[in-house]
Amino acid sequence: MKRLTLLLLCLLPIIGSYADNHPQSSQSCPEVVQTALQAADALCEATGRNQVCYGNIQLEAVPQTDVTDFQFSQIGDIEDVTDLASLRLSPMDTTTGEWGVALMRLQANLPDTLPGQNVTFILFGDVELTNAVTQDDILSGNYSPMQAFYLRTGIGDAQCEEAPQSGMLVQTPEGVGQISFVINEIEVQLGSTAFFQAGTLDSLQVATLEGAATLKVADNVYPVVAGTRYGVELLADSRRFVPVPDLPTAYEPELIQSLPLGLLDRPFEVQPPLDKNQLEEVLDRLESGKPLCGDADFLPSCDHLSEDAGGTPCIMPDESGNYPPGSDTTRPLCDLNLRTGGDYNWCVVEPGPDDSPLGEHETRPICPPPGEHPDCIMPPQPGVEPPLDDGRPFCNEIYHEDDQRDDEHRDDSSSGDDD
């Protein structure tokens, strides 16, 4: 999520007006969207792994039955998702300024050796979410917190061009392969960015904005490449999921044009809707069983498609940077230097109290807390402009200069020893 120090200063009047959850009345639809997204961006930045943040009014959160200390009633409140039983977001109401927004950062199936790297979930509008993971599931290792849940969203309910339809936007970190989670008992495999909607608890639709997603039900696999939308629904007379009629298809531009992409952790280029010829090739490949990847410029690379759908996603290395025992060595190892983008890989995020310790082969320094290092500032993520009023150098530049001086000192010492 981009740093918004200056924006936060601009938001102080807004934050003050929302602190007691008394919204301003009679705002226009664009004003409601702008105010909500600015507040969520500024106040949910500190959301950590397996936590949920109250981004904008109005949210109704129900804690787990055994949880007594649960504070989730005001914008900026953050709680662990293990304590959350269900969450309901308000649809847009311009008379009260309400439009529910929530942010979650989940581990999903990311390894404990990647602290600070999470899957980002942005929920907005008429959305209901119910936690399907029990404490026993977590202790047994079957699921991580909130890795499985039930989702219901409004569909086609945008009130203006500036407002997105109700739904859930999901983005995985770069370079970590396929991430798995379960929505409405449908397994989702994702290595990119996608928008999810579910008109009922027995259905799921996904529009893939980059890379590819895969929906998996029993032995059936439904790949969804960037530029298209696809969905499955439960037959009324059975427990069998089938594709939604008339899908896959190219997604409509208005479906994605107003999505709150600025709340995501990394920038990316949205794939335009596929044209008629491209969509026909997708349908032909689906019918013939040919993987939807690789040899066409509009298709994702095969490392962005799940193995179940014929792709070759990367393998997460072990703590030593090698293939885990029993893994497929014909597939590439995930390049973890990509996971935070560009110069961010000069340091490593300090593990939290619930994270596993860093691997014994990790040699990078701990990243300084954003905004708290006196001598330098963290480099911006790709596509984000650095603050113009801060003359300090980037921390990675200082680190590399110090590292070079250390190397030169070691070289000089070695030369002296030779003499």
Protein backbone atom coordinates (compact mmCIF):
# COMPACT_ATOMS: atom_id res chain seq x y z
CA MET A 1 0.00 0.00 0.00
CA LYS A 2 1.47 3.33 -0.95
CA ARG A 3 2.67 5.64 1.79
CA LEU A 4 0.30 8.48 2.39
CA THR A 5 1.85 10.73 4.99
CA LEU A 6 0.77 13.89 3.20
CA LEU A 7 -2.64 12.45 2.49
CA LEU A 8 -3.09 11.54 6.14
CA LEU A 9 -2.62 15.18 7.08
CA CYS A 10 -5.29 16.10 4.57
CA LEU A 11 -7.57 13.46 6.04
CA LEU A 12 -7.50 14.72 9.62
CA PRO A 13 -10.85 16.52 9.29
CA ILE A 14 -12.37 13.40 7.75
CA ILE A 15 -10.92 11.14 10.41
CA GLY A 16 -12.25 13.41 13.13
CA SER A 17 -15.73 13.36 11.69
CA TYR A 18 -15.68 9.56 11.49
CA ALA A 19 -14.07 8.84 14.83
CA ASP A 20 -17.39 8.33 16.57
CA ASN A 21 -19.01 6.77 13.48
CA HIS A 22 -21.33 9.70 12.86
CA PRO A 23 -21.10 10.09 9.08
CA GLN A 24 -21.68 13.33 7.27
CA SER A 25 -25.05 13.43 5.54
CA SER A 26 -26.05 13.78 1.91
CA GLN A 27 -22.84 13.15 -0.01
CA SER A 28 -22.75 12.46 -3.72
CA CYS A 29 -21.77 8.99 -4.89
CA PRO A 30 -18.28 10.08 -6.10
CA GLU A 31 -17.69 11.89 -2.79
CA VAL A 32 -18.62 8.80 -0.78
CA VAL A 33 -16.20 6.66 -2.81
CA GLN A 34 -13.34 9.14 -2.57
CA THR A 35 -13.76 9.71 1.17
CA ALA A 36 -14.06 5.99 1.92
CA LEU A 37 -11.02 4.91 -0.07
CA GLN A 38 -8.84 7.72 1.26
CA ALA A 39 -9.75 6.83 4.84
CA ALA A 40 -9.14 3.11 4.30
CA ASP A 41 -5.82 3.75 2.57
CA ALA A 42 -4.53 5.97 5.36
CA LEU A 43 -5.88 4.12 8.39
CA CYS A 44 -5.41 0.47 7.37
CA GLU A 45 -1.75 0.71 6.43
CA ALA A 46 -0.64 -0.97 9.67
CA THR A 47 -2.74 -4.10 9.06
CA GLY A 48 -0.50 -7.13 9.60
CA ARG A 49 -0.58 -10.80 8.68
CA ASN A 50 -3.91 -12.52 9.37
CA GLN A 51 -5.56 -9.29 10.44
CA VAL A 52 -8.63 -7.38 9.27
CA CYS A 53 -9.03 -3.59 9.26
CA TYR A 54 -12.18 -1.48 9.51
CA GLY A 55 -11.74 0.68 6.41
CA ASN A 56 -14.98 2.65 6.20
CA ILE A 57 -18.44 2.72 7.71
CA GLN A 58 -20.59 0.80 8.15
CA LEU A 59 -19.36 -2.66 9.21
CA GLU A 60 -21.03 -5.21 11.47
CA ALA A 61 -18.52 -7.67 12.90
CA VAL A 62 -19.41 -10.71 15.00
CA PRO A 63 -16.54 -12.18 17.08
CA GLN A 64 -16.01 -15.86 17.77
CA THR A 65 -18.04 -17.10 20.73
CA ASP A 66 -15.00 -17.51 22.99
CA VAL A 67 -13.56 -14.05 22.24
CA THR A 68 -14.20 -11.35 24.84
CA ASP A 69 -11.69 -8.61 23.95
CA PHE A 70 -12.84 -7.57 20.47
CA GLN A 71 -12.81 -3.92 19.40
CA PHE A 72 -14.01 -3.45 15.83
CA SER A 73 -16.46 -0.57 15.75
CA GLN A 74 -14.58 2.42 14.33
CA ILE A 75 -12.60 3.23 11.21
CA GLY A 76 -8.99 2.14 11.66
CA ASP A 77 -9.76 -0.65 14.15
CA ILE A 78 -7.68 -3.78 13.48
CA GLU A 79 -8.33 -7.29 14.81
CA ASP A 80 -6.97 -10.80 14.21
CA VAL A 81 -9.09 -12.76 11.73
CA THR A 82 -8.96 -15.76 14.06
CA ASP A 83 -11.22 -13.77 16.41
CA LEU A 84 -13.72 -12.92 13.65
CA ALA A 85 -16.77 -15.11 13.03
CA SER A 86 -18.50 -12.98 10.40
CA LEU A 87 -18.39 -9.56 8.81
CA ARG A 88 -21.10 -7.60 7.03
CA LEU A 89 -20.42 -4.44 5.02
CA SER A 90 -23.01 -1.79 4.21
CA PRO A 91 -24.02 -1.04 0.63
CA MET A 92 -23.68 2.57 -0.47
CA ASP A 93 -26.08 5.06 1.09
CA THR A 94 -25.45 8.61 -0.14
CA THR A 95 -27.85 10.08 2.42
CA THR A 96 -25.62 8.93 5.29
CA GLY A 97 -22.27 8.63 3.51
CA GLU A 98 -22.06 4.92 4.31
CA TRP A 99 -20.18 2.50 2.05
CA GLY A 100 -18.49 -0.38 3.83
CA VAL A 101 -14.81 -1.05 3.15
CA ALA A 102 -12.60 -3.63 4.86
CA LEU A 103 -9.04 -4.83 4.27
CA MET A 104 -7.53 -8.19 5.18
CA ARG A 105 -3.96 -9.42 4.86
CA LEU A 106 -3.87 -13.21 5.00
CA GLN A 107 -1.12 -15.80 4.97
CA ALA A 108 -3.17 -18.37 3.01
CA ASN A 109 -0.64 -21.07 2.06
CA LEU A 110 2.40 -18.78 2.11
CA PRO A 111 5.21 -20.31 4.18
CA ASP A 112 6.09 -19.00 7.63
CA THR A 113 9.55 -18.17 6.25
CA LEU A 114 8.07 -15.18 4.39
CA PRO A 115 6.98 -12.88 7.23
CA GLY A 116 5.54 -9.61 6.02
CA GLN A 117 4.37 -11.09 2.69
CA ASN A 118 0.63 -11.63 2.53
CA VAL A 119 -2.34 -11.96 0.24
CA THR A 120 -4.35 -8.72 0.20
CA PHE A 121 -8.16 -8.84 0.29
CA ILE A 122 -10.17 -5.63 -0.25
CA LEU A 123 -13.92 -5.90 0.43
CA PHE A 124 -16.34 -3.11 -0.43
CA GLY A 125 -20.06 -2.43 -0.68
CA ASP A 126 -22.79 -4.99 -0.05
CA VAL A 127 -20.62 -7.89 1.16
CA GLU A 128 -21.05 -10.63 3.75
CA LEU A 129 -18.15 -12.85 4.81
CA THR A 130 -18.27 -15.81 7.21
CA ASN A 131 -15.16 -17.48 8.58
CA ALA A 132 -15.09 -21.23 7.79
CA VAL A 133 -11.79 -22.03 9.54
CA THR A 134 -11.87 -23.44 13.07
CA GLN A 135 -9.09 -23.38 15.63
CA ASP A 136 -8.72 -27.14 15.15
CA ASP A 137 -8.16 -26.54 11.42
CA ILE A 138 -5.33 -24.14 12.23
CA LEU A 139 -3.71 -26.38 14.86
CA SER A 140 -3.84 -29.38 12.52
CA GLY A 141 -2.30 -27.40 9.67
CA ASN A 142 -5.24 -27.99 7.34
CA TYR A 143 -5.83 -24.26 6.94
CA SER A 144 -4.26 -20.99 7.99
CA PRO A 145 -6.52 -18.30 9.53
CA MET A 146 -9.43 -17.32 7.24
CA GLN A 147 -8.04 -19.43 4.37
CA ALA A 148 -11.58 -20.72 3.85
CA PHE A 149 -14.72 -18.60 4.09
CA TYR A 150 -18.19 -18.04 2.70
CA LEU A 151 -18.83 -14.95 0.59
CA ARG A 152 -21.95 -13.18 -0.64
CA THR A 153 -21.86 -9.91 -2.55
CA GLY A 154 -24.16 -7.57 -4.36
CA ILE A 155 -23.88 -7.64 -8.16
CA GLY A 156 -24.52 -4.82 -10.61
CA ASP A 157 -25.15 -2.32 -7.82
CA ALA A 158 -22.72 0.51 -8.66
CA GLN A 159 -24.50 3.86 -8.22
CA CYS A 160 -22.13 5.97 -10.33
CA GLU A 161 -19.19 5.59 -12.70
CA GLU A 162 -16.75 6.31 -9.88
CA ALA A 163 -18.12 3.47 -7.71
CA PRO A 164 -17.26 -0.20 -8.27
CA GLN A 165 -19.80 -2.95 -7.96
CA SER A 166 -19.81 -4.67 -4.58
CA GLY A 167 -17.25 -7.43 -4.29
CA MET A 168 -13.81 -8.52 -3.19
CA LEU A 169 -10.47 -7.64 -4.79
CA VAL A 170 -7.60 -10.07 -4.14
CA GLN A 171 -3.89 -9.74 -4.92
CA THR A 172 -1.05 -12.17 -4.25
CA PRO A 173 2.60 -11.15 -3.73
CA GLU A 174 4.88 -11.24 -6.76
CA GLY A 175 7.17 -14.23 -7.21
CA VAL A 176 5.58 -16.68 -4.75
CA GLY A 177 3.78 -18.98 -7.17
CA GLN A 178 0.16 -20.06 -6.78
CA ILE A 179 -1.74 -19.15 -3.60
CA SER A 180 -4.69 -21.31 -2.53
CA PHE A 181 -7.81 -20.39 -0.56
CA VAL A 182 -11.42 -21.60 -0.46
CA ILE A 183 -14.53 -19.49 -1.15
CA ASN A 184 -18.01 -21.03 -0.83
CA GLU A 185 -16.38 -24.50 -0.80
CA ILE A 186 -14.70 -23.76 -4.15
CA GLU A 187 -10.90 -23.97 -4.19
CA VAL A 188 -9.27 -20.91 -5.72
CA GLN A 189 -5.69 -20.92 -6.98
CA LEU A 190 -4.33 -17.47 -7.74
CA GLY A 191 -0.96 -16.01 -8.63
CA SER A 192 -2.03 -12.53 -9.64
CA THR A 193 -4.91 -10.06 -9.10
CA ALA A 194 -8.61 -10.85 -9.45
CA PHE A 195 -12.07 -9.51 -8.58
CA PHE A 196 -14.60 -11.87 -6.95
CA GLN A 197 -18.38 -11.69 -6.65
CA ALA A 198 -20.94 -14.16 -5.34
CA GLY A 199 -24.65 -13.45 -5.66
CA THR A 200 -25.35 -16.46 -3.42
CA LEU A 201 -23.35 -18.72 -1.13
CA ASP A 202 -23.66 -21.44 -3.79
CA SER A 203 -21.88 -19.54 -6.55
CA LEU A 204 -18.68 -17.69 -7.37
CA GLN A 205 -17.61 -15.46 -10.25
CA VAL A 206 -14.10 -14.15 -10.87
CA ALA A 207 -12.72 -11.53 -13.25
CA THR A 208 -8.94 -11.87 -13.61
CA LEU A 209 -7.11 -8.57 -14.05
CA GLU A 210 -3.59 -9.99 -14.49
CA GLY A 211 -2.10 -13.46 -14.76
CA ALA A 212 -4.58 -16.27 -14.19
CA ALA A 213 -6.90 -17.74 -11.59
CA THR A 214 -8.22 -21.28 -11.31
CA LEU A 215 -11.50 -22.47 -9.80
CA LYS A 216 -11.41 -26.10 -8.72
CA VAL A 217 -14.43 -28.16 -7.67
CA ALA A 218 -13.95 -31.90 -7.11
CA ASP A 219 -12.13 -33.10 -10.26
CA ASN A 220 -13.21 -30.16 -12.40
CA VAL A 221 -10.77 -27.32 -13.08
CA TYR A 222 -11.82 -23.98 -14.56
CA PRO A 223 -8.96 -21.64 -15.55
CA VAL A 224 -9.71 -17.91 -15.77
CA VAL A 225 -7.11 -15.89 -17.69
CA ALA A 226 -6.63 -12.13 -17.51
CA GLY A 227 -9.16 -10.20 -19.56
CA THR A 228 -11.98 -12.68 -18.92
CA ARG A 229 -14.51 -13.55 -16.26
CA TYR A 230 -15.80 -16.98 -15.37
CA GLY A 231 -17.97 -18.53 -12.72
CA VAL A 232 -19.50 -21.66 -11.27
CA GLU A 233 -22.77 -22.28 -9.47
CA LEU A 234 -24.39 -25.13 -7.59
CA LEU A 235 -27.18 -27.02 -9.31
CA ALA A 236 -30.43 -26.68 -7.40
CA ASP A 237 -31.14 -30.41 -7.33
CA SER A 238 -27.67 -31.67 -6.40
CA ARG A 239 -24.36 -30.86 -4.73
CA ARG A 240 -22.61 -30.46 -8.08
CA PHE A 241 -21.05 -27.21 -9.30
CA VAL A 242 -21.30 -26.37 -13.00
CA PRO A 243 -20.08 -23.40 -15.08
CA VAL A 244 -22.36 -20.37 -15.16
CA PRO A 245 -24.15 -20.26 -18.55
CA ASP A 246 -22.58 -18.07 -21.28
CA LEU A 247 -19.22 -17.95 -19.48
CA PRO A 248 -16.28 -17.53 -19.92
CA THR A 249 -16.48 -14.18 -21.62
CA ALA A 250 -14.47 -10.99 -21.82
CA TYR A 251 -15.22 -8.83 -18.81
CA GLU A 252 -17.02 -5.55 -19.33
CA PRO A 253 -14.81 -2.43 -18.98
CA GLU A 254 -17.27 -0.89 -16.53
CA LEU A 255 -16.83 -3.92 -14.23
CA ILE A 256 -13.18 -3.09 -13.56
CA GLN A 257 -12.76 0.61 -14.35
CA SER A 258 -13.55 1.82 -10.81
CA LEU A 259 -12.07 -0.98 -8.70
CA PRO A 260 -10.00 0.38 -5.76
CA LEU A 261 -6.64 -0.78 -7.13
CA GLY A 262 -4.84 1.90 -5.10
CA LEU A 263 -5.51 -0.06 -1.90
CA LEU A 264 -3.48 -3.02 -3.15
CA ASP A 265 0.13 -3.55 -2.13
CA ARG A 266 1.73 -3.52 -5.58
CA PRO A 267 0.95 -1.73 -8.85
CA PHE A 268 0.30 -3.71 -12.03
CA GLU A 269 -0.98 -3.33 -15.57
CA VAL A 270 -4.63 -4.35 -15.98
CA GLN A 271 -5.23 -6.68 -18.92
CA PRO A 272 -7.79 -5.17 -21.34
CA PRO A 273 -10.88 -7.28 -22.06
CA LEU A 274 -10.11 -9.96 -24.64
CA ASP A 275 -11.40 -9.25 -28.14
CA LYS A 276 -13.58 -11.64 -30.13
CA ASN A 277 -10.71 -13.53 -31.77
CA GLN A 278 -8.81 -13.89 -28.51
CA LEU A 279 -11.90 -15.14 -26.71
CA GLU A 280 -12.54 -17.70 -29.46
CA GLU A 281 -9.02 -19.04 -29.00
CA VAL A 282 -9.62 -19.32 -25.26
CA LEU A 283 -12.81 -21.30 -25.88
CA ASP A 284 -11.05 -23.54 -28.42
CA ARG A 285 -8.27 -24.28 -25.94
CA LEU A 286 -10.77 -25.08 -23.21
CA GLU A 287 -12.59 -27.54 -25.47
CA SER A 288 -9.36 -29.21 -26.65
CA GLY A 289 -7.75 -29.33 -23.21
CA LYS A 290 -4.78 -27.21 -24.26
CA PRO A 291 -3.35 -25.06 -21.43
CA LEU A 292 -4.36 -21.39 -21.41
CA CYS A 293 -0.82 -20.08 -21.25
CA GLY A 294 2.43 -19.55 -23.03
CA ASP A 295 2.32 -19.20 -26.79
CA ALA A 296 -0.05 -16.28 -27.33
CA ASP A 297 0.78 -12.72 -26.31
CA PHE A 298 -2.59 -12.19 -24.61
CA LEU A 299 -2.24 -15.32 -22.45
CA PRO A 300 -0.31 -15.41 -19.18
CA SER A 301 3.02 -17.17 -18.89
CA CYS A 302 2.65 -20.76 -17.74
CA ASP A 303 4.23 -19.96 -14.38
CA HIS A 304 1.13 -17.84 -13.62
CA LEU A 305 -1.24 -20.78 -14.24
CA SER A 306 -1.87 -23.50 -11.67
CA GLU A 307 -0.49 -26.98 -12.18
CA ASP A 308 -4.05 -28.37 -12.14
CA ALA A 309 -4.82 -26.20 -15.18
CA GLY A 310 -1.70 -27.27 -17.08
CA GLY A 311 0.64 -24.53 -15.91
CA THR A 312 4.13 -24.75 -14.43
CA PRO A 313 4.05 -22.49 -11.36
CA CYS A 314 7.26 -22.06 -9.41
CA ILE A 315 8.16 -24.13 -6.36
CA MET A 316 8.62 -22.31 -3.07
CA PRO A 317 12.21 -22.95 -1.92
CA ASP A 318 13.02 -24.19 1.55
CA GLU A 319 14.94 -22.13 4.12
CA SER A 320 18.21 -23.02 2.39
CA GLY A 321 16.95 -21.82 -0.98
CA ASN A 322 16.71 -25.36 -2.39
CA TYR A 323 13.91 -27.58 -3.67
CA PRO A 324 11.88 -29.07 -0.81
CA PRO A 325 12.06 -32.88 -0.55
CA GLY A 326 9.73 -34.60 -3.00
CA SER A 327 9.02 -31.49 -5.09
CA ASP A 328 9.03 -31.37 -8.88
CA THR A 329 12.55 -30.25 -9.81
CA THR A 330 11.53 -29.68 -13.44
CA ARG A 331 9.62 -26.58 -12.34
CA PRO A 332 11.49 -23.37 -11.48
CA LEU A 333 12.08 -22.20 -7.95
CA CYS A 334 10.16 -19.08 -6.97
CA ASP A 335 12.34 -15.97 -7.24
CA LEU A 336 11.76 -14.44 -3.83
CA ASN A 337 13.74 -11.35 -4.81
CA LEU A 338 10.60 -10.31 -6.71
CA ARG A 339 8.30 -10.53 -3.75
CA THR A 340 8.53 -6.91 -2.71
CA GLY A 341 9.55 -5.42 -6.03
CA GLY A 342 12.70 -3.66 -7.16
CA ASP A 343 15.03 -2.26 -4.51
CA TYR A 344 12.85 -3.46 -1.64
CA ASN A 345 14.73 -6.77 -1.62
CA TRP A 346 17.81 -5.12 -0.06
CA CYS A 347 16.33 -5.84 3.38
CA VAL A 348 13.99 -8.33 5.02
CA VAL A 349 10.83 -7.59 7.02
CA GLU A 350 11.28 -8.34 10.72
CA PRO A 351 9.18 -11.35 11.80
CA GLY A 352 6.26 -10.64 14.07
CA PRO A 353 5.62 -12.38 17.40
CA ASP A 354 3.53 -15.08 15.69
CA ASP A 355 5.87 -15.56 12.70
CA SER A 356 8.60 -18.15 12.33
CA PRO A 357 12.17 -16.86 12.70
CA LEU A 358 14.19 -15.97 9.63
CA GLY A 359 16.08 -18.76 7.91
CA GLU A 360 19.64 -19.42 9.04
CA HIS A 361 20.93 -18.42 5.59
CA GLU A 362 19.22 -15.00 5.60
CA THR A 363 21.97 -12.34 5.54
CA ARG A 364 20.04 -9.17 4.70
CA PRO A 365 19.46 -6.51 7.36
CA ILE A 366 16.08 -5.90 8.95
CA CYS A 367 14.10 -3.24 7.07
CA PRO A 368 13.72 -0.02 9.10
CA PRO A 369 10.14 0.86 10.08
CA PRO A 370 8.61 3.20 7.47
CA GLY A 371 8.97 6.83 8.49
CA GLU A 372 10.97 6.05 11.64
CA HIS A 373 14.54 5.80 10.32
CA PRO A 374 16.35 9.09 11.03
CA ASP A 375 18.92 8.90 8.25
CA CYS A 376 17.02 7.52 5.25
CA ILE A 377 13.62 6.68 3.79
CA MET A 378 12.37 3.42 2.32
CA PRO A 379 12.43 3.37 -1.49
CA PRO A 380 8.98 3.64 -3.09
CA GLN A 381 7.37 0.67 -4.79
CA PRO A 382 7.40 0.64 -8.61
CA GLY A 383 4.96 3.18 -10.02
CA VAL A 384 4.78 5.23 -6.80
CA GLU A 385 6.36 8.69 -6.73
CA PRO A 386 8.80 9.38 -3.85
CA PRO A 387 7.95 12.24 -1.45
CA LEU A 388 9.19 15.50 -2.96
CA ASP A 389 9.68 17.28 0.36
CA ASP A 390 12.05 14.71 1.88
CA GLY A 391 15.72 15.17 1.00
CA ARG A 392 17.00 12.05 2.77
CA PRO A 393 18.55 9.29 0.63
CA PHE A 394 16.90 5.91 0.15
CA CYS A 395 17.87 3.35 2.80
CA ASN A 396 19.00 0.81 0.22
CA GLU A 397 21.51 3.32 -1.19
CA ILE A 398 23.04 3.85 2.25
CA TYR A 399 23.13 0.10 2.84
CA HIS A 400 24.87 -0.59 -0.46
CA GLU A 401 27.41 2.21 0.19
CA ASP A 402 28.17 0.80 3.65
CA ASP A 403 28.45 -2.68 2.18
CA GLN A 404 30.89 -1.48 -0.46
CA ARG A 405 32.99 0.29 2.19
CA ASP A 406 33.06 -2.91 4.24
CA ASP A 407 34.19 -4.86 1.18
CA GLU A 408 36.93 -2.30 0.48
CA HIS A 409 38.03 -2.44 4.11
CA ARG A 410 38.22 -6.24 3.96
CA ASP A 411 40.21 -6.02 0.71
CA ASP A 412 42.65 -3.53 2.30
CA SER A 413 43.03 -5.77 5.34
CA SER A 414 43.72 -8.76 3.13
CA SER A 415 46.36 -6.80 1.21
CA GLY A 416 48.03 -5.79 4.46
CA ASP A 417 48.14 -9.39 5.62
CA ASP A 418 49.84 -10.40 2.37
CA ASP A 419 52.57 -7.83 2.99
